Amino acid sequence: MRLGVYVGSFNPVHKGHIQVANYLLDNNYIDKIEIIPTGNYWDKKNLIDVNFRIEMLKFYESEKIYINETLNNCEYTYQVLNELKKDNNELYLIIGSDNLPNFHLWKNIDEILKNKVIVVSRKNIDMNSEAIKLNSDNFILVDCKSMDISSTKVRNLIKEGNILDLDKYLDKEVINYILKNKLYRR
């Protein structure tokens, strides 16, 4: 089975994240996708507890989309892939093209590149990275015309009280969850 591995903070999950997942599934790049929100070890500002992020992602779980609640404390991507490789799936790491400039600096990059890497284009990002040129057999470049949105923008809207603008970027269940739990207010 071709398993897509989508690791990120998902802080919060937005329509763009889910659009990417559905595009890859609908266009037969992968058979299933495992979404893994990172634990709280990242040095990111405003990163809410991983359990809140898991709960928001659970709204999207389906036959083909699985939300992983066990690998959230793997500090590095290669560790996640090594754990998932134990199930003998063909792994496809999913990254945004905004990761390309520093991709060569990722911990144990050679282990990561034993798998396929799906690179989803993002606006204003050069898809002609040196890493791709050097490892072109490992990379699958995908232009899925995803929404121009970031979790940072969503958090700022919430912090500023622009709740009515959220439905452009978040599904209703996620909006209600955020409001109910008073997330991202500071």
N, C-alpha and C. Protein backbone atom coordinates (compact mmCIF):
# COMPACT_ATOMS: atom_id res chain seq x y z
N MET A 1 0.83 -1.18 0.00
CA MET A 1 0.00 0.00 0.00
C MET A 1 0.88 1.25 0.00
N ARG A 2 0.50 2.23 -0.77
CA ARG A 2 1.20 3.51 -0.82
C ARG A 2 0.60 4.42 0.27
N LEU A 3 1.39 4.63 1.32
CA LEU A 3 0.91 5.39 2.47
C LEU A 3 1.53 6.78 2.46
N GLY A 4 0.68 7.80 2.39
CA GLY A 4 1.13 9.18 2.51
C GLY A 4 1.36 9.50 3.98
N VAL A 5 2.47 10.15 4.28
CA VAL A 5 2.82 10.51 5.65
C VAL A 5 2.88 12.03 5.71
N TYR A 6 1.92 12.62 6.40
CA TYR A 6 1.76 14.07 6.45
C TYR A 6 2.03 14.52 7.88
N VAL A 7 3.25 15.01 8.13
CA VAL A 7 3.67 15.43 9.46
C VAL A 7 3.68 16.96 9.49
N GLY A 8 3.16 17.53 10.55
CA GLY A 8 3.18 18.98 10.68
C GLY A 8 2.60 19.40 12.01
N SER A 9 2.59 20.70 12.25
CA SER A 9 2.03 21.18 13.51
C SER A 9 0.51 21.25 13.45
N PHE A 10 -0.07 21.54 12.27
CA PHE A 10 -1.53 21.64 12.12
C PHE A 10 -2.10 22.48 13.27
N ASN A 11 -1.64 23.71 13.34
CA ASN A 11 -1.89 24.58 14.49
C ASN A 11 -2.62 25.86 14.11
N PRO A 12 -3.89 25.80 13.70
CA PRO A 12 -4.79 24.65 13.60
C PRO A 12 -4.80 24.06 12.19
N VAL A 13 -5.47 22.91 12.07
CA VAL A 13 -5.70 22.32 10.75
C VAL A 13 -6.65 23.25 9.99
N HIS A 14 -6.34 23.51 8.72
CA HIS A 14 -7.21 24.38 7.92
C HIS A 14 -7.58 23.70 6.61
N LYS A 15 -8.45 24.34 5.86
CA LYS A 15 -8.96 23.75 4.62
C LYS A 15 -7.85 23.42 3.64
N GLY A 16 -6.77 24.18 3.64
CA GLY A 16 -5.66 23.92 2.74
C GLY A 16 -4.99 22.59 3.04
N HIS A 17 -4.81 22.27 4.32
CA HIS A 17 -4.23 20.98 4.70
C HIS A 17 -5.08 19.83 4.16
N ILE A 18 -6.38 19.94 4.39
CA ILE A 18 -7.28 18.86 4.00
C ILE A 18 -7.42 18.80 2.48
N GLN A 19 -7.36 19.95 1.83
CA GLN A 19 -7.41 19.99 0.37
C GLN A 19 -6.22 19.22 -0.22
N VAL A 20 -5.05 19.38 0.35
CA VAL A 20 -3.86 18.65 -0.11
C VAL A 20 -4.07 17.16 0.06
N ALA A 21 -4.52 16.74 1.25
CA ALA A 21 -4.74 15.32 1.52
C ALA A 21 -5.73 14.72 0.52
N ASN A 22 -6.86 15.39 0.32
CA ASN A 22 -7.87 14.87 -0.60
C ASN A 22 -7.39 14.86 -2.05
N TYR A 23 -6.62 15.87 -2.44
CA TYR A 23 -6.09 15.92 -3.80
C TYR A 23 -5.18 14.71 -4.06
N LEU A 24 -4.30 14.43 -3.13
CA LEU A 24 -3.37 13.32 -3.31
C LEU A 24 -4.10 11.98 -3.36
N LEU A 25 -5.14 11.84 -2.56
CA LEU A 25 -5.95 10.61 -2.57
C LEU A 25 -6.78 10.52 -3.85
N ASP A 26 -7.46 11.60 -4.19
CA ASP A 26 -8.35 11.61 -5.37
C ASP A 26 -7.60 11.41 -6.68
N ASN A 27 -6.34 11.85 -6.73
CA ASN A 27 -5.55 11.74 -7.95
C ASN A 27 -4.57 10.57 -7.92
N ASN A 28 -4.81 9.64 -7.00
CA ASN A 28 -4.12 8.36 -6.97
C ASN A 28 -2.60 8.45 -6.77
N TYR A 29 -2.15 9.48 -6.07
CA TYR A 29 -0.74 9.53 -5.70
C TYR A 29 -0.45 8.55 -4.57
N ILE A 30 -1.45 8.38 -3.70
CA ILE A 30 -1.33 7.51 -2.53
C ILE A 30 -2.66 6.77 -2.35
N ASP A 31 -2.61 5.67 -1.57
CA ASP A 31 -3.82 4.90 -1.29
C ASP A 31 -4.50 5.35 0.01
N LYS A 32 -3.68 5.68 0.99
CA LYS A 32 -4.16 6.17 2.28
C LYS A 32 -3.19 7.23 2.77
N ILE A 33 -3.64 8.00 3.77
CA ILE A 33 -2.78 9.03 4.32
C ILE A 33 -2.84 8.98 5.84
N GLU A 34 -1.67 9.10 6.46
CA GLU A 34 -1.57 9.16 7.91
C GLU A 34 -1.11 10.57 8.27
N ILE A 35 -1.95 11.27 9.02
CA ILE A 35 -1.63 12.63 9.44
C ILE A 35 -1.11 12.57 10.87
N ILE A 36 0.07 13.17 11.07
CA ILE A 36 0.74 13.09 12.36
C ILE A 36 1.08 14.50 12.85
N PRO A 37 0.26 15.02 13.79
CA PRO A 37 0.61 16.32 14.36
C PRO A 37 1.81 16.17 15.29
N THR A 38 2.76 17.06 15.17
CA THR A 38 3.97 16.99 15.97
C THR A 38 3.67 17.28 17.43
N GLY A 39 4.50 16.71 18.29
CA GLY A 39 4.37 16.96 19.72
C GLY A 39 4.75 18.39 20.06
N ASN A 40 4.84 18.66 21.32
CA ASN A 40 5.09 20.03 21.77
C ASN A 40 6.56 20.35 21.93
N TYR A 41 7.44 19.54 21.34
CA TYR A 41 8.88 19.79 21.45
C TYR A 41 9.35 20.88 20.49
N TRP A 42 8.56 21.19 19.47
CA TRP A 42 8.99 22.20 18.51
C TRP A 42 9.10 23.54 19.18
N ASP A 43 10.09 24.30 18.75
CA ASP A 43 10.27 25.65 19.28
C ASP A 43 9.44 26.61 18.42
N LYS A 44 8.14 26.48 18.56
CA LYS A 44 7.23 27.34 17.81
C LYS A 44 6.39 28.13 18.81
N LYS A 45 6.15 29.38 18.48
CA LYS A 45 5.29 30.19 19.32
C LYS A 45 3.85 29.80 19.06
N ASN A 46 3.04 29.88 20.08
CA ASN A 46 1.60 29.63 19.99
C ASN A 46 1.24 28.19 19.62
N LEU A 47 2.13 27.24 19.84
CA LEU A 47 1.82 25.85 19.54
C LEU A 47 0.99 25.31 20.70
N ILE A 48 -0.30 25.07 20.43
CA ILE A 48 -1.17 24.57 21.49
C ILE A 48 -0.89 23.09 21.71
N ASP A 49 -1.37 22.56 22.81
CA ASP A 49 -1.16 21.17 23.17
C ASP A 49 -1.56 20.25 22.02
N VAL A 50 -0.78 19.22 21.80
CA VAL A 50 -1.00 18.29 20.70
C VAL A 50 -2.37 17.62 20.79
N ASN A 51 -2.90 17.43 21.99
CA ASN A 51 -4.21 16.78 22.12
C ASN A 51 -5.33 17.61 21.51
N PHE A 52 -5.26 18.93 21.63
CA PHE A 52 -6.24 19.80 20.96
C PHE A 52 -6.13 19.65 19.44
N ARG A 53 -4.90 19.62 18.95
CA ARG A 53 -4.68 19.52 17.50
C ARG A 53 -5.14 18.17 16.96
N ILE A 54 -4.93 17.13 17.74
CA ILE A 54 -5.42 15.80 17.35
C ILE A 54 -6.94 15.81 17.26
N GLU A 55 -7.59 16.38 18.26
CA GLU A 55 -9.06 16.43 18.27
C GLU A 55 -9.61 17.18 17.05
N MET A 56 -8.97 18.27 16.67
CA MET A 56 -9.44 19.00 15.48
C MET A 56 -9.23 18.17 14.22
N LEU A 57 -8.11 17.46 14.13
CA LEU A 57 -7.86 16.62 12.96
C LEU A 57 -8.83 15.45 12.88
N LYS A 58 -9.31 14.98 14.03
CA LYS A 58 -10.23 13.83 14.06
C LYS A 58 -11.51 14.09 13.27
N PHE A 59 -11.88 15.35 13.06
CA PHE A 59 -13.06 15.67 12.26
C PHE A 59 -12.91 15.17 10.82
N TYR A 60 -11.68 14.92 10.39
CA TYR A 60 -11.40 14.53 9.00
C TYR A 60 -11.07 13.06 8.84
N GLU A 61 -11.03 12.33 9.95
CA GLU A 61 -10.68 10.91 9.86
C GLU A 61 -11.74 10.16 9.05
N SER A 62 -11.25 9.25 8.20
CA SER A 62 -12.14 8.48 7.33
C SER A 62 -11.48 7.15 7.00
N GLU A 63 -12.06 6.45 6.06
CA GLU A 63 -11.49 5.18 5.62
C GLU A 63 -10.08 5.35 5.06
N LYS A 64 -9.82 6.51 4.45
CA LYS A 64 -8.52 6.74 3.82
C LYS A 64 -7.64 7.75 4.54
N ILE A 65 -8.18 8.42 5.53
CA ILE A 65 -7.42 9.41 6.30
C ILE A 65 -7.38 8.97 7.75
N TYR A 66 -6.17 8.70 8.27
CA TYR A 66 -5.99 8.25 9.64
C TYR A 66 -5.19 9.30 10.40
N ILE A 67 -5.66 9.64 11.60
CA ILE A 67 -4.95 10.59 12.45
C ILE A 67 -4.15 9.79 13.47
N ASN A 68 -2.83 9.89 13.38
CA ASN A 68 -1.95 9.12 14.25
C ASN A 68 -1.79 9.83 15.59
N GLU A 69 -2.07 9.11 16.67
CA GLU A 69 -1.96 9.66 18.02
C GLU A 69 -0.79 9.06 18.79
N THR A 70 0.02 8.24 18.12
CA THR A 70 1.08 7.53 18.84
C THR A 70 2.49 8.00 18.49
N LEU A 71 2.67 8.61 17.34
CA LEU A 71 4.02 9.01 16.92
C LEU A 71 4.28 10.50 17.09
N ASN A 72 3.45 11.16 17.87
CA ASN A 72 3.54 12.61 18.02
C ASN A 72 4.79 13.08 18.75
N ASN A 73 5.41 12.18 19.49
CA ASN A 73 6.61 12.58 20.23
C ASN A 73 7.90 12.18 19.56
N CYS A 74 7.81 11.65 18.33
CA CYS A 74 9.04 11.44 17.55
C CYS A 74 9.57 12.83 17.21
N GLU A 75 10.80 13.09 17.57
CA GLU A 75 11.33 14.43 17.39
C GLU A 75 11.72 14.73 15.95
N TYR A 76 12.02 13.69 15.18
CA TYR A 76 12.48 13.89 13.81
C TYR A 76 11.65 13.07 12.82
N THR A 77 11.55 13.57 11.61
CA THR A 77 10.77 12.93 10.57
C THR A 77 11.28 11.53 10.26
N TYR A 78 12.59 11.35 10.22
CA TYR A 78 13.12 10.02 9.90
C TYR A 78 12.65 8.99 10.92
N GLN A 79 12.46 9.41 12.19
CA GLN A 79 11.98 8.48 13.22
C GLN A 79 10.54 8.05 12.94
N VAL A 80 9.71 8.99 12.52
CA VAL A 80 8.33 8.67 12.15
C VAL A 80 8.31 7.67 11.00
N LEU A 81 9.11 7.94 9.98
CA LEU A 81 9.14 7.06 8.81
C LEU A 81 9.65 5.67 9.19
N ASN A 82 10.66 5.60 10.04
CA ASN A 82 11.19 4.29 10.46
C ASN A 82 10.13 3.49 11.21
N GLU A 83 9.34 4.16 12.04
CA GLU A 83 8.27 3.46 12.77
C GLU A 83 7.20 2.95 11.81
N LEU A 84 6.82 3.78 10.85
CA LEU A 84 5.77 3.38 9.91
C LEU A 84 6.26 2.32 8.92
N LYS A 85 7.55 2.31 8.65
CA LYS A 85 8.13 1.35 7.71
C LYS A 85 8.00 -0.08 8.22
N LYS A 86 7.86 -0.23 9.54
CA LYS A 86 7.73 -1.56 10.13
C LYS A 86 6.50 -2.31 9.61
N ASP A 87 5.51 -1.57 9.11
CA ASP A 87 4.29 -2.18 8.58
C ASP A 87 4.42 -2.55 7.11
N ASN A 88 5.63 -2.40 6.55
CA ASN A 88 5.92 -2.76 5.16
C ASN A 88 5.11 -2.01 4.12
N ASN A 89 4.72 -0.79 4.44
CA ASN A 89 4.05 0.05 3.45
C ASN A 89 5.09 0.78 2.62
N GLU A 90 4.69 1.18 1.42
CA GLU A 90 5.52 2.06 0.61
C GLU A 90 5.21 3.48 1.07
N LEU A 91 6.18 4.16 1.65
CA LEU A 91 5.94 5.46 2.28
C LEU A 91 6.21 6.62 1.34
N TYR A 92 5.33 7.61 1.42
CA TYR A 92 5.43 8.85 0.66
C TYR A 92 5.32 10.01 1.64
N LEU A 93 6.44 10.62 1.99
CA LEU A 93 6.44 11.77 2.86
C LEU A 93 5.86 12.96 2.10
N ILE A 94 4.94 13.68 2.71
CA ILE A 94 4.29 14.83 2.08
C ILE A 94 4.83 16.09 2.73
N ILE A 95 5.42 16.97 1.91
CA ILE A 95 5.93 18.24 2.42
C ILE A 95 5.49 19.37 1.49
N GLY A 96 5.44 20.56 2.02
CA GLY A 96 5.20 21.74 1.19
C GLY A 96 6.51 22.21 0.60
N SER A 97 6.44 22.83 -0.55
CA SER A 97 7.65 23.30 -1.21
C SER A 97 8.39 24.35 -0.38
N ASP A 98 7.70 24.95 0.61
CA ASP A 98 8.37 25.90 1.50
C ASP A 98 9.43 25.22 2.36
N ASN A 99 9.40 23.88 2.44
CA ASN A 99 10.42 23.14 3.18
C ASN A 99 11.69 22.89 2.37
N LEU A 100 11.63 23.09 1.06
CA LEU A 100 12.75 22.73 0.19
C LEU A 100 14.06 23.46 0.49
N PRO A 101 14.05 24.76 0.74
CA PRO A 101 15.34 25.45 0.94
C PRO A 101 16.19 24.84 2.05
N ASN A 102 15.56 24.28 3.08
CA ASN A 102 16.32 23.72 4.20
C ASN A 102 16.19 22.20 4.32
N PHE A 103 15.60 21.58 3.32
CA PHE A 103 15.34 20.14 3.39
C PHE A 103 16.64 19.34 3.56
N HIS A 104 17.70 19.79 2.93
CA HIS A 104 18.97 19.07 3.03
C HIS A 104 19.55 19.09 4.45
N LEU A 105 19.02 19.96 5.31
CA LEU A 105 19.49 20.06 6.69
C LEU A 105 18.72 19.17 7.66
N TRP A 106 17.67 18.50 7.16
CA TRP A 106 16.87 17.66 8.04
C TRP A 106 17.72 16.53 8.60
N LYS A 107 17.45 16.15 9.82
CA LYS A 107 18.19 15.08 10.51
C LYS A 107 18.05 13.77 9.74
N ASN A 108 19.17 13.12 9.47
CA ASN A 108 19.24 11.83 8.78
C ASN A 108 18.50 11.85 7.44
N ILE A 109 18.82 12.83 6.64
CA ILE A 109 18.16 13.02 5.34
C ILE A 109 18.29 11.78 4.45
N ASP A 110 19.41 11.07 4.55
CA ASP A 110 19.59 9.86 3.73
C ASP A 110 18.55 8.80 4.06
N GLU A 111 18.18 8.69 5.33
CA GLU A 111 17.13 7.74 5.72
C GLU A 111 15.78 8.19 5.18
N ILE A 112 15.52 9.48 5.23
CA ILE A 112 14.25 10.02 4.72
C ILE A 112 14.14 9.71 3.23
N LEU A 113 15.25 9.88 2.51
CA LEU A 113 15.23 9.71 1.05
C LEU A 113 15.23 8.25 0.60
N LYS A 114 15.12 7.33 1.52
CA LYS A 114 14.88 5.93 1.15
C LYS A 114 13.41 5.75 0.77
N ASN A 115 12.63 6.79 1.02
CA ASN A 115 11.21 6.82 0.71
C ASN A 115 10.97 7.86 -0.39
N LYS A 116 9.78 7.86 -0.94
CA LYS A 116 9.39 8.90 -1.89
C LYS A 116 9.00 10.14 -1.10
N VAL A 117 9.18 11.30 -1.71
CA VAL A 117 8.81 12.57 -1.09
C VAL A 117 7.91 13.31 -2.06
N ILE A 118 6.67 13.53 -1.65
CA ILE A 118 5.74 14.32 -2.45
C ILE A 118 5.90 15.77 -2.03
N VAL A 119 6.25 16.63 -2.98
CA VAL A 119 6.44 18.05 -2.71
C VAL A 119 5.27 18.81 -3.31
N VAL A 120 4.46 19.40 -2.44
CA VAL A 120 3.27 20.15 -2.87
C VAL A 120 3.66 21.61 -3.02
N SER A 121 3.39 22.17 -4.18
CA SER A 121 3.80 23.55 -4.45
C SER A 121 3.05 24.52 -3.55
N ARG A 122 3.75 25.56 -3.14
CA ARG A 122 3.18 26.66 -2.40
C ARG A 122 3.52 27.92 -3.17
N LYS A 123 2.70 28.93 -3.04
CA LYS A 123 2.92 30.18 -3.77
C LYS A 123 4.30 30.75 -3.47
N ASN A 124 4.92 31.29 -4.50
CA ASN A 124 6.20 32.00 -4.40
C ASN A 124 7.35 31.14 -3.88
N ILE A 125 7.29 29.84 -4.09
CA ILE A 125 8.38 28.96 -3.67
C ILE A 125 8.99 28.33 -4.91
N ASP A 126 10.31 28.41 -5.01
CA ASP A 126 11.03 27.83 -6.14
C ASP A 126 11.05 26.32 -6.03
N MET A 127 10.49 25.65 -7.03
CA MET A 127 10.42 24.20 -7.04
C MET A 127 11.68 23.57 -7.64
N ASN A 128 12.68 24.38 -7.97
CA ASN A 128 13.91 23.86 -8.58
C ASN A 128 15.04 23.79 -7.56
N SER A 129 14.75 23.23 -6.42
CA SER A 129 15.72 23.12 -5.34
C SER A 129 16.88 22.20 -5.73
N GLU A 130 18.04 22.48 -5.16
CA GLU A 130 19.20 21.62 -5.36
C GLU A 130 18.93 20.21 -4.84
N ALA A 131 18.20 20.10 -3.73
CA ALA A 131 17.89 18.79 -3.17
C ALA A 131 17.11 17.94 -4.16
N ILE A 132 16.18 18.56 -4.87
CA ILE A 132 15.38 17.81 -5.86
C ILE A 132 16.26 17.40 -7.03
N LYS A 133 17.12 18.29 -7.49
CA LYS A 133 17.99 17.96 -8.62
C LYS A 133 18.90 16.78 -8.28
N LEU A 134 19.39 16.75 -7.05
CA LEU A 134 20.31 15.69 -6.66
C LEU A 134 19.61 14.35 -6.44
N ASN A 135 18.35 14.38 -6.08
CA ASN A 135 17.61 13.16 -5.74
C ASN A 135 16.31 13.07 -6.52
N SER A 136 16.35 13.39 -7.80
CA SER A 136 15.12 13.53 -8.59
C SER A 136 14.27 12.28 -8.61
N ASP A 137 14.86 11.09 -8.44
CA ASP A 137 14.07 9.86 -8.45
C ASP A 137 13.21 9.73 -7.20
N ASN A 138 13.57 10.43 -6.14
CA ASN A 138 12.84 10.32 -4.88
C ASN A 138 11.68 11.31 -4.77
N PHE A 139 11.69 12.36 -5.59
CA PHE A 139 10.72 13.43 -5.43
C PHE A 139 9.61 13.35 -6.47
N ILE A 140 8.40 13.62 -6.00
CA ILE A 140 7.24 13.74 -6.88
C ILE A 140 6.71 15.15 -6.68
N LEU A 141 6.79 15.97 -7.71
CA LEU A 141 6.35 17.36 -7.61
C LEU A 141 4.87 17.43 -7.97
N VAL A 142 4.09 18.06 -7.10
CA VAL A 142 2.64 18.13 -7.27
C VAL A 142 2.19 19.57 -7.17
N ASP A 143 1.43 20.00 -8.16
CA ASP A 143 0.84 21.34 -8.13
C ASP A 143 -0.66 21.17 -8.00
N CYS A 144 -1.16 21.20 -6.77
CA CYS A 144 -2.58 20.93 -6.56
C CYS A 144 -3.42 22.19 -6.38
N LYS A 145 -2.82 23.33 -6.64
CA LYS A 145 -3.56 24.60 -6.54
C LYS A 145 -4.25 24.74 -5.19
N SER A 146 -3.50 24.45 -4.13
CA SER A 146 -4.08 24.54 -2.79
C SER A 146 -4.31 26.00 -2.41
N MET A 147 -5.14 26.18 -1.41
CA MET A 147 -5.50 27.52 -0.95
C MET A 147 -4.25 28.26 -0.46
N ASP A 148 -4.25 29.56 -0.67
CA ASP A 148 -3.17 30.39 -0.15
C ASP A 148 -3.55 30.77 1.29
N ILE A 149 -3.20 29.90 2.22
CA ILE A 149 -3.58 30.12 3.61
C ILE A 149 -2.49 29.53 4.50
N SER A 150 -2.33 30.11 5.65
CA SER A 150 -1.39 29.56 6.63
C SER A 150 -2.08 29.52 7.98
N SER A 151 -1.63 28.62 8.82
CA SER A 151 -2.17 28.54 10.18
C SER A 151 -1.87 29.82 10.95
N THR A 152 -0.75 30.46 10.63
CA THR A 152 -0.41 31.73 11.29
C THR A 152 -1.49 32.77 11.00
N LYS A 153 -1.92 32.85 9.76
CA LYS A 153 -2.98 33.80 9.39
C LYS A 153 -4.26 33.50 10.16
N VAL A 154 -4.60 32.23 10.27
CA VAL A 154 -5.81 31.83 11.00
C VAL A 154 -5.69 32.23 12.47
N ARG A 155 -4.55 31.94 13.09
CA ARG A 155 -4.36 32.31 14.50
C ARG A 155 -4.47 33.81 14.70
N ASN A 156 -3.93 34.58 13.77
CA ASN A 156 -4.02 36.04 13.87
C ASN A 156 -5.46 36.53 13.76
N LEU A 157 -6.24 35.91 12.87
CA LEU A 157 -7.66 36.28 12.77
C LEU A 157 -8.38 36.04 14.09
N ILE A 158 -8.10 34.91 14.72
CA ILE A 158 -8.74 34.59 15.99
C ILE A 158 -8.32 35.58 17.07
N LYS A 159 -7.02 35.84 17.13
CA LYS A 159 -6.48 36.75 18.14
C LYS A 159 -7.09 38.14 17.99
N GLU A 160 -7.31 38.56 16.72
CA GLU A 160 -7.87 39.89 16.45
C GLU A 160 -9.39 39.91 16.58
N GLY A 161 -10.00 38.75 16.81
CA GLY A 161 -11.45 38.69 16.96
C GLY A 161 -12.22 38.67 15.65
N ASN A 162 -11.56 38.38 14.54
CA ASN A 162 -12.22 38.33 13.22
C ASN A 162 -12.82 36.95 12.98
N ILE A 163 -13.72 36.56 13.84
CA ILE A 163 -14.31 35.22 13.81
C ILE A 163 -15.12 35.00 12.54
N LEU A 164 -15.77 36.03 12.02
CA LEU A 164 -16.61 35.87 10.82
C LEU A 164 -15.78 35.52 9.59
N ASP A 165 -14.50 35.87 9.57
CA ASP A 165 -13.64 35.56 8.42
C ASP A 165 -13.10 34.13 8.45
N LEU A 166 -13.28 33.44 9.55
CA LEU A 166 -12.69 32.11 9.70
C LEU A 166 -13.28 31.07 8.76
N ASP A 167 -14.56 31.21 8.39
CA ASP A 167 -15.18 30.17 7.55
C ASP A 167 -14.56 30.07 6.16
N LYS A 168 -13.78 31.05 5.76
CA LYS A 168 -13.04 30.95 4.48
C LYS A 168 -11.92 29.92 4.59
N TYR A 169 -11.39 29.73 5.80
CA TYR A 169 -10.19 28.95 5.99
C TYR A 169 -10.38 27.68 6.83
N LEU A 170 -11.42 27.66 7.66
CA LEU A 170 -11.65 26.54 8.56
C LEU A 170 -13.05 25.97 8.36
N ASP A 171 -13.19 24.67 8.53
CA ASP A 171 -14.51 24.06 8.51
C ASP A 171 -15.23 24.38 9.81
N LYS A 172 -16.56 24.34 9.77
CA LYS A 172 -17.39 24.74 10.92
C LYS A 172 -17.04 23.97 12.20
N GLU A 173 -16.79 22.65 12.07
CA GLU A 173 -16.48 21.86 13.26
C GLU A 173 -15.21 22.36 13.94
N VAL A 174 -14.23 22.74 13.14
CA VAL A 174 -12.97 23.24 13.69
C VAL A 174 -13.18 24.61 14.34
N ILE A 175 -13.93 25.47 13.67
CA ILE A 175 -14.24 26.79 14.25
C ILE A 175 -14.93 26.61 15.60
N ASN A 176 -15.97 25.77 15.65
CA ASN A 176 -16.70 25.56 16.89
C ASN A 176 -15.81 24.99 17.99
N TYR A 177 -14.92 24.08 17.62
CA TYR A 177 -14.00 23.49 18.59
C TYR A 177 -13.06 24.55 19.16
N ILE A 178 -12.52 25.38 18.30
CA ILE A 178 -11.62 26.45 18.73
C ILE A 178 -12.33 27.41 19.67
N LEU A 179 -13.53 27.83 19.30
CA LEU A 179 -14.28 28.78 20.12
C LEU A 179 -14.68 28.16 21.45
N LYS A 180 -15.16 26.92 21.42
CA LYS A 180 -15.58 26.23 22.64
C LYS A 180 -14.43 26.08 23.63
N ASN A 181 -13.23 25.79 23.10
CA ASN A 181 -12.07 25.58 23.97
C ASN A 181 -11.21 26.83 24.16
N LYS A 182 -11.68 27.95 23.61
CA LYS A 182 -11.00 29.24 23.77
C LYS A 182 -9.52 29.18 23.37
N LEU A 183 -9.28 28.59 22.19
CA LEU A 183 -7.92 28.43 21.70
C LEU A 183 -7.47 29.64 20.89
N TYR A 184 -6.19 29.89 20.89
CA TYR A 184 -5.52 30.92 20.08
C TYR A 184 -5.97 32.34 20.41
N ARG A 185 -6.42 32.61 21.59
CA ARG A 185 -6.89 33.95 21.94
C ARG A 185 -5.75 34.88 22.28
N ARG A 186 -4.60 34.36 22.70
CA ARG A 186 -3.48 35.23 23.08
C ARG A 186 -2.42 35.22 22.03
